[in-house]
C-alpha cells in the first residue's frame, strides 16, 4: 500500500481511469456485437444502420486512447466489407 500522498492519489486516479476505459471498451464491443448480429441475420439494411451507430462509438474509443486508431479503422473497415458482402451473397 502506498504511503506517500501523491502515490495514493495516483492509485485513485488509476482506478477511476481504468473503470472509465473499461466502460468505453465494453460500450464499443456492444455496438460491434449489434452489427455482427445483423450481419449474421443477413439483414443488410439493419446492419448498415447498426454500423452507422457503432462507427462514432469506435472512433470515440480510439480518440480517448482505449484502442489504437489503426485498430478502430480496421474494425470499421472489416465490418463495412462484411455488410457489402451480404448484397452479393
C-alpha atoms as a PDB file:
ATOM      1  CA  UNK A   1       0.000   0.000   0.000  1.00  0.00           C
ATOM      2  CA  UNK A   2       1.238   3.470  -0.868  1.00  0.00           C
ATOM      3  CA  UNK A   3       2.446   5.656   1.996  1.00  0.00           C
ATOM      4  CA  UNK A   4       3.045   8.880   0.094  1.00  0.00           C
ATOM      5  CA  UNK A   5       0.073  11.152  -0.558  1.00  0.00           C
ATOM      6  CA  UNK A   6       0.871  11.600  -4.247  1.00  0.00           C
ATOM      7  CA  UNK A   7       1.094   7.821  -4.688  1.00  0.00           C
ATOM      8  CA  UNK A   8      -2.304   7.398  -3.012  1.00  0.00           C
ATOM      9  CA  UNK A   9      -3.734   9.986  -5.376  1.00  0.00           C
ATOM     10  CA  UNK A  10      -2.241   8.176  -8.391  1.00  0.00           C
ATOM     11  CA  UNK A  11      -3.912   4.948  -7.219  1.00  0.00           C
ATOM     12  CA  UNK A  12      -7.279   6.742  -7.020  1.00  0.00           C
ATOM     13  CA  UNK A  13      -6.768   8.300 -10.462  1.00  0.00           C
ATOM     14  CA  UNK A  14      -5.765   4.979 -11.999  1.00  0.00           C
ATOM     15  CA  UNK A  15      -8.832   3.242 -10.540  1.00  0.00           C
ATOM     16  CA  UNK A  16     -11.140   5.921 -11.987  1.00  0.00           C
ATOM     17  CA  UNK A  17      -9.428   5.863 -15.366  1.00  0.00           C
ATOM     18  CA  UNK A  18      -9.489   2.066 -15.538  1.00  0.00           C
ATOM     19  CA  UNK A  19     -13.223   1.985 -14.761  1.00  0.00           C
ATOM     20  CA  UNK A  20     -13.903   4.638 -17.403  1.00  0.00           C
ATOM     21  CA  UNK A  21     -11.821   2.877 -20.054  1.00  0.00           C
ATOM     22  CA  UNK A  22     -13.426  -0.484 -19.273  1.00  0.00           C
ATOM     23  CA  UNK A  23     -16.877   1.068 -19.695  1.00  0.00           C
ATOM     24  CA  UNK A  24     -15.864   2.661 -23.013  1.00  0.00           C
ATOM     25  CA  UNK A  25     -14.413  -0.575 -24.357  1.00  0.00           C
ATOM     26  CA  UNK A  26     -17.488  -2.531 -23.251  1.00  0.00           C
ATOM     27  CA  UNK A  27     -19.797   0.011 -24.910  1.00  0.00           C
ATOM     28  CA  UNK A  28     -17.784  -0.242 -28.127  1.00  0.00           C
ATOM     29  CA  UNK A  29     -17.987  -4.040 -28.074  1.00  0.00           C
ATOM     30  CA  UNK A  30     -21.766  -3.899 -27.539  1.00  0.00           C
ATOM     31  CA  UNK A  31     -22.218  -1.700 -30.613  1.00  0.00           C
ATOM     32  CA  UNK A  32     -19.973  -4.013 -32.666  1.00  0.00           C
ATOM     33  CA  UNK A  33     -21.976  -7.018 -31.480  1.00  0.00           C
ATOM     34  CA  UNK A  34     -25.202  -5.386 -32.706  1.00  0.00           C
ATOM     35  CA  UNK A  35     -23.646  -5.000 -36.178  1.00  0.00           C
ATOM     36  CA  UNK A  36     -22.416  -8.606 -36.195  1.00  0.00           C
ATOM     37  CA  UNK A  37     -25.849  -9.880 -35.121  1.00  0.00           C
ATOM     38  CA  UNK A  38     -27.476  -8.036 -38.023  1.00  0.00           C
ATOM     39  CA  UNK A  39     -24.845  -9.409 -40.419  1.00  0.00           C
ATOM     40  CA  UNK A  40     -25.438 -12.957 -39.152  1.00  0.00           C
ATOM     41  CA  UNK A  41     -29.181 -12.482 -39.691  1.00  0.00           C
ATOM     42  CA  UNK A  42     -28.436 -11.393 -43.266  1.00  0.00           C
ATOM     43  CA  UNK A  43     -30.282  -8.103 -42.828  1.00  0.00           C
ATOM     44  CA  UNK A  44     -28.159  -5.603 -44.758  1.00  0.00           C
ATOM     45  CA  UNK A  45     -30.240  -2.500 -44.019  1.00  0.00           C
ATOM     46  CA  UNK A  46     -30.310  -3.207 -40.273  1.00  0.00           C
ATOM     47  CA  UNK A  47     -26.564  -3.940 -40.320  1.00  0.00           C
ATOM     48  CA  UNK A  48     -25.898  -0.670 -42.144  1.00  0.00           C
ATOM     49  CA  UNK A  49     -27.890   1.267 -39.530  1.00  0.00           C
ATOM     50  CA  UNK A  50     -26.093  -0.536 -36.687  1.00  0.00           C
ATOM     51  CA  UNK A  51     -22.708   0.298 -38.245  1.00  0.00           C
ATOM     52  CA  UNK A  52     -23.767   3.935 -38.602  1.00  0.00           C
ATOM     53  CA  UNK A  53     -24.402   3.960 -34.840  1.00  0.00           C
ATOM     54  CA  UNK A  54     -21.264   1.954 -33.984  1.00  0.00           C
ATOM     55  CA  UNK A  55     -18.804   3.954 -36.057  1.00  0.00           C
ATOM     56  CA  UNK A  56     -18.710   7.099 -33.876  1.00  0.00           C
ATOM     57  CA  UNK A  57     -18.528   4.928 -30.767  1.00  0.00           C
ATOM     58  CA  UNK A  58     -15.493   3.053 -32.130  1.00  0.00           C
ATOM     59  CA  UNK A  59     -13.824   6.302 -33.194  1.00  0.00           C
ATOM     60  CA  UNK A  60     -14.535   7.856 -29.790  1.00  0.00           C
ATOM     61  CA  UNK A  61     -12.803   4.906 -28.101  1.00  0.00           C
ATOM     62  CA  UNK A  62      -9.805   5.453 -30.378  1.00  0.00           C
ATOM     63  CA  UNK A  63      -9.799   9.185 -29.655  1.00  0.00           C
ATOM     64  CA  UNK A  64      -9.745   8.535 -25.917  1.00  0.00           C
ATOM     65  CA  UNK A  65      -6.865   6.067 -26.305  1.00  0.00           C
ATOM     66  CA  UNK A  66      -8.853   2.988 -25.287  1.00  0.00           C
ATOM     67  CA  UNK A  67      -7.994   1.321 -28.617  1.00  0.00           C
ATOM     68  CA  UNK A  68      -5.390   2.278 -31.214  1.00  0.00           C
ATOM     69  CA  UNK A  69      -6.540   4.381 -34.184  1.00  0.00           C
ATOM     70  CA  UNK A  70      -5.495   1.692 -36.647  1.00  0.00           C
ATOM     71  CA  UNK A  71      -7.454  -0.930 -34.702  1.00  0.00           C
ATOM     72  CA  UNK A  72     -10.570   1.245 -34.852  1.00  0.00           C
ATOM     73  CA  UNK A  73     -10.128   1.815 -38.588  1.00  0.00           C
ATOM     74  CA  UNK A  74      -9.583  -1.890 -39.181  1.00  0.00           C
ATOM     75  CA  UNK A  75     -12.736  -2.847 -37.255  1.00  0.00           C
ATOM     76  CA  UNK A  76     -14.880  -0.326 -39.145  1.00  0.00           C
ATOM     77  CA  UNK A  77     -13.394  -1.365 -42.482  1.00  0.00           C
ATOM     78  CA  UNK A  78     -13.929  -5.081 -41.914  1.00  0.00           C
ATOM     79  CA  UNK A  79     -17.486  -4.612 -40.678  1.00  0.00           C
ATOM     80  CA  UNK A  80     -18.412  -2.472 -43.699  1.00  0.00           C
ATOM     81  CA  UNK A  81     -16.817  -5.033 -46.042  1.00  0.00           C
ATOM     82  CA  UNK A  82     -18.909  -7.783 -44.440  1.00  0.00           C
ATOM     83  CA  UNK A  83     -22.056  -5.684 -44.842  1.00  0.00           C
ATOM     84  CA  UNK A  84     -21.282  -5.104 -48.528  1.00  0.00           C
ATOM     85  CA  UNK A  85     -20.743  -8.844 -48.962  1.00  0.00           C
ATOM     86  CA  UNK A  86     -24.345  -9.521 -47.825  1.00  0.00           C
ATOM     87  CA  UNK A  87     -25.696  -7.983 -51.056  1.00  0.00           C
ATOM     88  CA  UNK A  88     -23.663 -10.279 -53.311  1.00  0.00           C
ATOM     89  CA  UNK A  89     -24.350 -13.414 -51.260  1.00  0.00           C
END
